[in-house]
């Protein structure tokens, strides 16, 4: 099947047939592909948001506590 003829639905059907391991590999690849785009967008969106170093540190510590206390 040519790429131009493939729809998202076709791709979803193919992916659903993958094993869990293959799906995880695909997720990691997609994350690697999307990370720079998402980071650029985030940085653009945050460009005009005034945040102090202390505020950033507080948020980082809060998230760390949430992640590592579960």
N, C-alpha and C. Protein backbone atom coordinates (compact mmCIF):
# COMPACT_ATOMS: atom_id res chain seq x y z
N UNK A 1 0.84 -1.17 0.00
CA UNK A 1 0.00 0.00 0.00
C UNK A 1 0.89 1.24 0.00
N UNK A 2 0.62 2.19 -0.87
CA UNK A 2 1.41 3.42 -0.92
C UNK A 2 1.07 4.31 0.25
N UNK A 3 2.04 5.12 0.67
CA UNK A 3 1.83 6.02 1.80
C UNK A 3 0.65 6.95 1.54
N UNK A 4 0.51 7.43 0.32
CA UNK A 4 -0.57 8.37 0.02
C UNK A 4 -1.94 7.73 0.16
N UNK A 5 -2.01 6.40 0.11
CA UNK A 5 -3.29 5.71 0.22
C UNK A 5 -3.58 5.27 1.65
N UNK A 6 -2.63 5.42 2.54
CA UNK A 6 -2.82 4.98 3.92
C UNK A 6 -3.53 6.06 4.72
N UNK A 7 -4.48 5.64 5.51
CA UNK A 7 -5.16 6.57 6.40
C UNK A 7 -4.73 6.28 7.83
N UNK A 8 -5.11 7.15 8.71
CA UNK A 8 -4.81 6.93 10.13
C UNK A 8 -5.48 5.63 10.58
N UNK A 9 -6.66 5.38 10.08
CA UNK A 9 -7.36 4.14 10.46
C UNK A 9 -6.58 2.90 10.01
N UNK A 10 -6.00 2.95 8.80
CA UNK A 10 -5.18 1.83 8.33
C UNK A 10 -3.99 1.60 9.26
N UNK A 11 -3.36 2.68 9.63
CA UNK A 11 -2.19 2.59 10.51
C UNK A 11 -2.60 2.05 11.87
N UNK A 12 -3.72 2.53 12.41
CA UNK A 12 -4.21 2.04 13.70
C UNK A 12 -4.45 0.54 13.66
N UNK A 13 -5.03 0.05 12.60
CA UNK A 13 -5.28 -1.39 12.47
C UNK A 13 -3.97 -2.17 12.50
N UNK A 14 -2.97 -1.67 11.80
CA UNK A 14 -1.67 -2.33 11.78
C UNK A 14 -1.05 -2.33 13.17
N UNK A 15 -1.08 -1.17 13.83
CA UNK A 15 -0.47 -1.04 15.15
C UNK A 15 -1.15 -1.95 16.17
N UNK A 16 -2.46 -2.07 16.09
CA UNK A 16 -3.18 -2.93 17.04
C UNK A 16 -2.77 -4.40 16.92
N UNK A 17 -2.23 -4.77 15.77
CA UNK A 17 -1.77 -6.15 15.58
C UNK A 17 -0.37 -6.37 16.16
N UNK A 18 0.34 -5.30 16.53
CA UNK A 18 1.68 -5.42 17.09
C UNK A 18 1.63 -6.01 18.49
N UNK A 19 2.76 -6.58 18.89
CA UNK A 19 2.91 -7.03 20.27
C UNK A 19 3.11 -5.80 21.16
N UNK A 20 2.99 -6.00 22.46
CA UNK A 20 3.20 -4.88 23.38
C UNK A 20 4.61 -4.31 23.25
N UNK A 21 5.58 -5.17 23.07
CA UNK A 21 6.97 -4.72 22.92
C UNK A 21 7.13 -3.85 21.67
N UNK A 22 6.52 -4.28 20.57
CA UNK A 22 6.61 -3.50 19.32
C UNK A 22 5.90 -2.16 19.48
N UNK A 23 4.79 -2.15 20.19
CA UNK A 23 4.07 -0.90 20.44
C UNK A 23 4.92 0.06 21.26
N UNK A 24 5.62 -0.47 22.27
CA UNK A 24 6.48 0.38 23.10
C UNK A 24 7.63 0.96 22.28
N UNK A 25 8.19 0.17 21.39
CA UNK A 25 9.25 0.68 20.51
C UNK A 25 8.71 1.82 19.65
N UNK A 26 7.52 1.63 19.14
CA UNK A 26 6.90 2.67 18.31
C UNK A 26 6.65 3.93 19.11
N UNK A 27 6.16 3.78 20.32
CA UNK A 27 5.92 4.94 21.19
C UNK A 27 7.22 5.71 21.41
N UNK A 28 8.29 4.99 21.72
CA UNK A 28 9.59 5.66 21.96
C UNK A 28 10.07 6.41 20.72
N UNK A 29 9.90 5.81 19.56
CA UNK A 29 10.30 6.47 18.32
C UNK A 29 9.47 7.73 18.06
N UNK A 30 8.17 7.63 18.30
CA UNK A 30 7.32 8.80 18.11
C UNK A 30 7.65 9.90 19.09
N UNK A 31 7.95 9.53 20.33
CA UNK A 31 8.34 10.52 21.33
C UNK A 31 9.64 11.22 20.93
N UNK A 32 10.61 10.45 20.42
CA UNK A 32 11.87 11.06 19.97
C UNK A 32 11.62 12.03 18.83
N UNK A 33 10.73 11.65 17.92
CA UNK A 33 10.41 12.50 16.78
C UNK A 33 9.69 13.77 17.20
N UNK A 34 8.79 13.65 18.15
CA UNK A 34 7.96 14.78 18.55
C UNK A 34 8.58 15.69 19.60
N UNK A 35 9.55 15.20 20.35
CA UNK A 35 10.11 15.98 21.45
C UNK A 35 10.63 17.36 21.03
N UNK A 36 11.46 17.46 20.01
CA UNK A 36 11.96 18.79 19.65
C UNK A 36 10.84 19.76 19.26
N UNK A 37 9.83 19.27 18.57
CA UNK A 37 8.71 20.12 18.16
C UNK A 37 7.91 20.58 19.38
N UNK A 38 7.68 19.67 20.29
CA UNK A 38 6.93 20.01 21.49
C UNK A 38 7.71 20.98 22.37
N UNK A 39 9.01 20.77 22.48
CA UNK A 39 9.84 21.66 23.28
C UNK A 39 9.86 23.06 22.67
N UNK A 40 10.04 23.16 21.37
CA UNK A 40 10.02 24.47 20.71
C UNK A 40 8.71 25.20 20.96
N UNK A 41 7.60 24.48 20.83
CA UNK A 41 6.30 25.09 21.06
C UNK A 41 6.17 25.57 22.51
N UNK A 42 6.60 24.74 23.44
CA UNK A 42 6.54 25.11 24.84
C UNK A 42 7.37 26.36 25.11
N UNK A 43 8.57 26.39 24.57
CA UNK A 43 9.44 27.55 24.78
C UNK A 43 8.83 28.81 24.19
N UNK A 44 8.22 28.69 23.02
CA UNK A 44 7.55 29.85 22.41
C UNK A 44 6.39 30.31 23.29
N UNK A 45 5.61 29.35 23.77
CA UNK A 45 4.45 29.69 24.61
C UNK A 45 4.87 30.33 25.93
N UNK A 46 6.01 29.92 26.45
CA UNK A 46 6.45 30.41 27.75
C UNK A 46 7.35 31.64 27.68
N UNK A 47 7.66 32.05 26.49
CA UNK A 47 8.59 33.17 26.31
C UNK A 47 8.17 34.40 27.12
N UNK A 48 6.89 34.69 27.17
CA UNK A 48 6.41 35.90 27.84
C UNK A 48 5.84 35.65 29.23
N UNK A 49 6.05 34.46 29.76
CA UNK A 49 5.56 34.15 31.10
C UNK A 49 6.67 34.43 32.10
N UNK A 50 6.44 35.39 32.97
CA UNK A 50 7.50 35.73 33.94
C UNK A 50 7.56 34.70 35.07
N UNK A 51 8.62 33.94 35.11
CA UNK A 51 8.84 32.95 36.17
C UNK A 51 10.20 33.18 36.79
N UNK A 52 10.23 33.12 38.08
CA UNK A 52 11.52 33.27 38.76
C UNK A 52 12.18 31.89 38.88
N UNK A 53 13.45 31.92 39.15
CA UNK A 53 14.20 30.68 39.37
C UNK A 53 13.60 29.91 40.54
N UNK A 54 13.22 30.62 41.59
CA UNK A 54 12.64 30.00 42.77
C UNK A 54 11.32 29.31 42.43
N UNK A 55 10.48 29.94 41.63
CA UNK A 55 9.21 29.33 41.23
C UNK A 55 9.43 28.05 40.44
N UNK A 56 10.38 28.09 39.55
CA UNK A 56 10.70 26.90 38.76
C UNK A 56 11.19 25.79 39.67
N UNK A 57 12.09 26.13 40.58
CA UNK A 57 12.62 25.14 41.54
C UNK A 57 11.51 24.53 42.38
N UNK A 58 10.60 25.34 42.85
CA UNK A 58 9.49 24.84 43.66
C UNK A 58 8.65 23.84 42.86
N UNK A 59 8.37 24.17 41.62
CA UNK A 59 7.57 23.28 40.79
C UNK A 59 8.31 21.97 40.51
N UNK A 60 9.59 22.05 40.24
CA UNK A 60 10.39 20.85 39.99
C UNK A 60 10.37 19.95 41.23
N UNK A 61 10.57 20.53 42.39
CA UNK A 61 10.56 19.74 43.62
C UNK A 61 9.19 19.12 43.88
N UNK A 62 8.13 19.85 43.61
CA UNK A 62 6.78 19.32 43.78
C UNK A 62 6.56 18.11 42.87
N UNK A 63 6.95 18.23 41.61
CA UNK A 63 6.77 17.13 40.66
C UNK A 63 7.62 15.93 41.07
N UNK A 64 8.82 16.17 41.50
CA UNK A 64 9.67 15.06 41.95
C UNK A 64 9.03 14.32 43.12
N UNK A 65 8.52 15.06 44.07
CA UNK A 65 7.87 14.43 45.22
C UNK A 65 6.67 13.59 44.77
N UNK A 66 5.89 14.13 43.84
CA UNK A 66 4.72 13.40 43.34
C UNK A 66 5.12 12.12 42.64
N UNK A 67 6.18 12.19 41.86
CA UNK A 67 6.61 11.01 41.09
C UNK A 67 7.24 9.93 41.95
N UNK A 68 8.00 10.33 42.96
CA UNK A 68 8.78 9.35 43.72
C UNK A 68 8.15 8.92 45.02
N UNK A 69 6.97 9.43 45.34
CA UNK A 69 6.31 8.98 46.57
C UNK A 69 5.20 7.98 46.27
N UNK A 70 4.99 7.70 45.01
CA UNK A 70 3.93 6.73 44.65
C UNK A 70 4.43 5.32 44.68
